[in-house]
Amino acid sequence: MSYYPPMGPPPPAPSSSSGVGRPQIVTAAAGLMLMLALLDFITVGLGIAYYAQEGSSTAAAGNSGANGFSSIGGGVVATGLLIVMAMMVLRGKNWARIVTFVIAGLGIACCGCGSVFIFGGGAFLSYLSSTSSSDVASQISFPAWYFWGVGTLYVLAFLCSVAIVVLLAMRPSNEWFKAMAPQARPPYQPPYPPQQPPYGGPPQQGGNYPQYPPY
């Protein structure tokens, strides 16, 4: 006679961090994200120093200063976002890796274009401003410390962004983030009820069935 014992409590959901070692390339990518946040913070500091030095000499300078301070505010937000995303990547959050891809992609585009402008077109504009006395030429001149400082930071940020994308897209990173994803809990099945005993037999343990007289 077959008997199905009552099932135990539902199994706990498997932990996403049990026995899964973080690859070194993920740790390196998070470190580069923190370095990128530091570079962004230094760029914000240079912008504050530049616009503080410029002051409000002309109305045009005041307008450019307002635009500059809005850019500084965006840089502060980006710095904080990078730090938070680095912490989440170290904890194996796949959504943080996707957001990091977006941030690093924007960094590649912006820093790449900025580097080309500063070391290419920016040099020509600086030369033009030094040889011309027009108002337009005076508005596009930059101090040498700001010019080369921001240009160097853009190049470093571009390289960090490329390295972050490559490291997080490698196969060990993909496998680790998949392993760290929370697994779905199996559906809970209630315990089987005690099987009805045959006529004349004693009831099964745990059952409240009445006894039936034998034929």
Protein backbone atom coordinates (compact mmCIF):
# COMPACT_ATOMS: atom_id res chain seq x y z
CA MET A 1 0.00 0.00 0.00
CA SER A 2 1.47 3.31 -1.03
CA TYR A 3 1.58 6.18 1.35
CA TYR A 4 2.73 9.71 0.64
CA PRO A 5 4.28 11.32 3.71
CA PRO A 6 3.53 14.97 4.34
CA MET A 7 5.93 17.32 2.64
CA GLY A 8 8.09 19.58 4.74
CA PRO A 9 8.18 23.35 4.63
CA PRO A 10 8.96 24.99 1.28
CA PRO A 11 12.66 25.16 0.50
CA PRO A 12 14.25 28.55 1.08
CA ALA A 13 15.10 30.69 -1.91
CA PRO A 14 18.71 30.07 -2.92
CA SER A 15 21.08 32.80 -1.93
CA SER A 16 22.65 34.81 -4.72
CA SER A 17 26.00 35.14 -2.97
CA SER A 18 26.65 31.63 -1.73
CA GLY A 19 29.91 30.18 -2.93
CA VAL A 20 30.33 32.50 -5.91
CA GLY A 21 33.69 34.22 -6.10
CA ARG A 22 33.90 37.63 -7.73
CA PRO A 23 36.25 37.72 -10.74
CA GLN A 24 39.21 40.03 -10.53
CA ILE A 25 38.15 41.80 -13.71
CA VAL A 26 34.89 42.89 -12.04
CA THR A 27 36.86 44.26 -9.09
CA ALA A 28 39.18 46.04 -11.51
CA ALA A 29 36.20 47.53 -13.37
CA ALA A 30 34.75 48.85 -10.10
CA GLY A 31 38.13 50.34 -9.25
CA LEU A 32 38.24 52.08 -12.61
CA MET A 33 34.75 53.42 -11.96
CA LEU A 34 35.98 54.97 -8.72
CA MET A 35 38.97 56.38 -10.58
CA LEU A 36 36.61 57.82 -13.19
CA ALA A 37 34.60 59.43 -10.40
CA LEU A 38 37.82 60.94 -9.03
CA LEU A 39 38.74 62.32 -12.46
CA ASP A 40 35.27 63.80 -12.77
CA PHE A 41 35.61 65.38 -9.33
CA ILE A 42 38.98 66.92 -10.30
CA THR A 43 37.43 68.25 -13.51
CA VAL A 44 34.67 69.87 -11.44
CA GLY A 45 37.34 71.44 -9.22
CA LEU A 46 39.16 72.86 -12.24
CA GLY A 47 35.90 74.27 -13.55
CA ILE A 48 35.17 75.96 -10.23
CA ALA A 49 38.67 77.46 -10.16
CA TYR A 50 38.39 78.66 -13.75
CA TYR A 51 35.01 80.35 -13.38
CA ALA A 52 36.02 81.84 -10.04
CA GLN A 53 39.06 83.37 -11.75
CA GLU A 54 37.00 84.67 -14.64
CA GLY A 55 34.53 86.37 -12.32
CA SER A 56 31.97 88.66 -13.91
CA SER A 57 34.13 90.90 -16.07
CA THR A 58 31.60 91.08 -18.91
CA ALA A 59 27.98 90.18 -19.47
CA ALA A 60 29.03 87.44 -21.88
CA ALA A 61 31.35 86.03 -19.28
CA GLY A 62 28.45 86.01 -16.85
CA ASN A 63 26.37 83.98 -19.27
CA SER A 64 29.18 81.52 -19.85
CA GLY A 65 29.69 81.35 -16.10
CA ALA A 66 26.07 80.35 -15.59
CA ASN A 67 26.45 77.61 -18.20
CA GLY A 68 29.69 76.54 -16.57
CA PHE A 69 28.17 76.21 -13.12
CA SER A 70 25.32 74.14 -14.53
CA SER A 71 27.97 71.84 -16.03
CA ILE A 72 29.71 71.69 -12.66
CA GLY A 73 26.44 70.64 -11.02
CA GLY A 74 26.04 67.88 -13.59
CA GLY A 75 29.59 66.76 -12.90
CA VAL A 76 28.90 66.48 -9.18
CA VAL A 77 25.82 64.35 -9.85
CA ALA A 78 27.80 62.13 -12.24
CA THR A 79 30.53 61.67 -9.61
CA GLY A 80 28.05 60.50 -7.00
CA LEU A 81 26.31 58.22 -9.49
CA LEU A 82 29.60 56.55 -10.45
CA ILE A 83 30.42 55.83 -6.81
CA VAL A 84 27.02 54.27 -6.19
CA MET A 85 27.21 52.17 -9.36
CA ALA A 86 30.69 50.93 -8.41
CA MET A 87 29.37 49.70 -5.07
CA MET A 88 26.42 47.96 -6.73
CA VAL A 89 28.66 46.32 -9.34
CA LEU A 90 30.83 44.89 -6.56
CA ARG A 91 27.67 43.36 -5.07
CA GLY A 92 26.80 41.66 -8.35
CA LYS A 93 23.77 43.76 -9.34
CA ASN A 94 23.21 43.23 -13.04
CA TRP A 95 21.06 46.36 -13.37
CA ALA A 96 24.04 48.38 -12.11
CA ARG A 97 26.20 46.82 -14.82
CA ILE A 98 23.68 47.90 -17.46
CA VAL A 99 23.58 51.44 -16.08
CA THR A 100 27.38 51.44 -16.04
CA PHE A 101 27.43 50.51 -19.72
CA VAL A 102 25.25 53.55 -20.44
CA ILE A 103 27.39 55.89 -18.32
CA ALA A 104 30.65 54.59 -19.77
CA GLY A 105 29.27 54.84 -23.29
CA LEU A 106 28.36 58.48 -22.73
CA GLY A 107 31.80 59.03 -21.23
CA ILE A 108 33.48 57.55 -24.30
CA ALA A 109 31.49 59.83 -26.59
CA CYS A 110 31.86 63.02 -24.53
CA CYS A 111 35.47 62.58 -23.44
CA GLY A 112 36.51 61.41 -26.90
CA CYS A 113 34.97 64.44 -28.58
CA GLY A 114 36.33 66.72 -25.85
CA SER A 115 39.85 65.39 -26.28
CA VAL A 116 39.71 65.88 -30.04
CA PHE A 117 38.43 69.43 -29.58
CA ILE A 118 41.00 70.40 -26.94
CA PHE A 119 44.07 68.88 -28.57
CA GLY A 120 42.89 69.56 -32.10
CA GLY A 121 40.50 72.41 -32.63
CA GLY A 122 41.13 73.91 -29.21
CA ALA A 123 44.78 74.55 -30.04
CA PHE A 124 43.74 76.39 -33.18
CA LEU A 125 41.19 78.46 -31.26
CA SER A 126 43.78 79.38 -28.66
CA TYR A 127 46.12 80.50 -31.40
CA LEU A 128 43.32 82.50 -33.01
CA SER A 129 42.47 84.21 -29.73
CA SER A 130 46.12 85.16 -29.19
CA THR A 131 46.46 86.74 -32.64
CA SER A 132 43.08 88.48 -32.84
CA SER A 133 41.63 91.35 -30.87
CA SER A 134 37.98 90.63 -31.62
CA ASP A 135 35.45 89.99 -28.86
CA VAL A 136 34.73 86.52 -30.20
CA ALA A 137 38.38 85.55 -30.00
CA SER A 138 38.65 86.86 -26.46
CA GLN A 139 35.68 84.79 -25.35
CA ILE A 140 37.16 81.49 -26.51
CA SER A 141 40.55 81.87 -24.85
CA PHE A 142 41.39 79.60 -21.90
CA PRO A 143 44.23 79.70 -19.37
CA ALA A 144 46.99 77.24 -20.15
CA TRP A 145 46.57 75.38 -16.84
CA TYR A 146 42.87 74.87 -17.50
CA PHE A 147 43.37 73.97 -21.15
CA TRP A 148 45.96 71.24 -20.59
CA GLY A 149 44.50 70.08 -17.30
CA VAL A 150 41.03 69.43 -18.65
CA GLY A 151 42.45 67.91 -21.82
CA THR A 152 44.56 65.43 -19.85
CA LEU A 153 41.59 64.51 -17.64
CA TYR A 154 39.43 63.91 -20.71
CA VAL A 155 41.98 61.52 -22.19
CA LEU A 156 42.29 59.58 -18.92
CA ALA A 157 38.50 59.44 -18.53
CA PHE A 158 38.16 58.19 -22.11
CA LEU A 159 40.64 55.36 -21.47
CA CYS A 160 38.95 54.44 -18.16
CA SER A 161 35.52 54.32 -19.82
CA VAL A 162 36.75 52.03 -22.58
CA ALA A 163 38.43 49.71 -20.06
CA ILE A 164 35.27 49.55 -17.92
CA VAL A 165 33.12 48.52 -20.88
CA VAL A 166 35.62 45.86 -21.97
CA LEU A 167 36.05 44.36 -18.48
CA LEU A 168 32.33 44.19 -17.70
CA ALA A 169 31.54 42.69 -21.11
CA MET A 170 34.02 39.81 -20.84
CA ARG A 171 32.76 36.25 -20.41
CA PRO A 172 33.81 35.76 -16.75
CA SER A 173 31.92 38.93 -15.84
CA ASN A 174 28.80 37.75 -17.68
CA GLU A 175 28.88 34.36 -15.95
CA TRP A 176 29.39 35.90 -12.52
CA PHE A 177 26.53 38.37 -12.88
CA LYS A 178 24.25 35.57 -14.07
CA ALA A 179 25.24 33.45 -11.07
CA MET A 180 24.61 36.37 -8.73
CA ALA A 181 21.12 36.96 -10.09
CA PRO A 182 18.43 35.80 -7.62
CA GLN A 183 16.97 32.46 -8.62
CA ALA A 184 13.22 31.96 -8.78
CA ARG A 185 11.70 30.16 -5.79
CA PRO A 186 10.12 26.81 -6.76
CA PRO A 187 6.35 26.78 -6.38
CA TYR A 188 5.21 25.56 -2.99
CA GLN A 189 3.13 22.40 -2.97
CA PRO A 190 0.95 21.68 0.05
CA PRO A 191 1.41 18.35 1.83
CA TYR A 192 -0.46 15.38 0.43
CA PRO A 193 -3.47 14.37 2.56
CA PRO A 194 -3.29 10.96 4.26
CA GLN A 195 -4.43 8.19 2.01
CA GLN A 196 -7.83 6.72 2.83
CA PRO A 197 -7.35 3.34 4.55
CA PRO A 198 -8.93 0.21 3.12
CA TYR A 199 -12.21 -1.03 4.52
CA GLY A 200 -11.72 -2.49 7.92
CA GLY A 201 -8.17 -1.28 8.26
CA PRO A 202 -6.92 1.18 10.83
CA PRO A 203 -6.69 4.79 9.72
CA GLN A 204 -3.34 6.10 8.64
CA GLN A 205 -1.35 8.15 11.10
CA GLY A 206 -2.50 11.71 11.13
CA GLY A 207 -5.85 10.99 9.43
CA ASN A 208 -9.27 11.49 10.95
CA TYR A 209 -11.17 9.09 8.73
CA PRO A 210 -13.94 6.98 10.25
CA GLN A 211 -13.60 3.23 10.34
CA TYR A 212 -15.74 1.26 7.95
CA PRO A 213 -17.20 -2.11 8.88
CA PRO A 214 -15.91 -5.02 6.88
CA TYR A 215 -18.16 -6.76 4.37
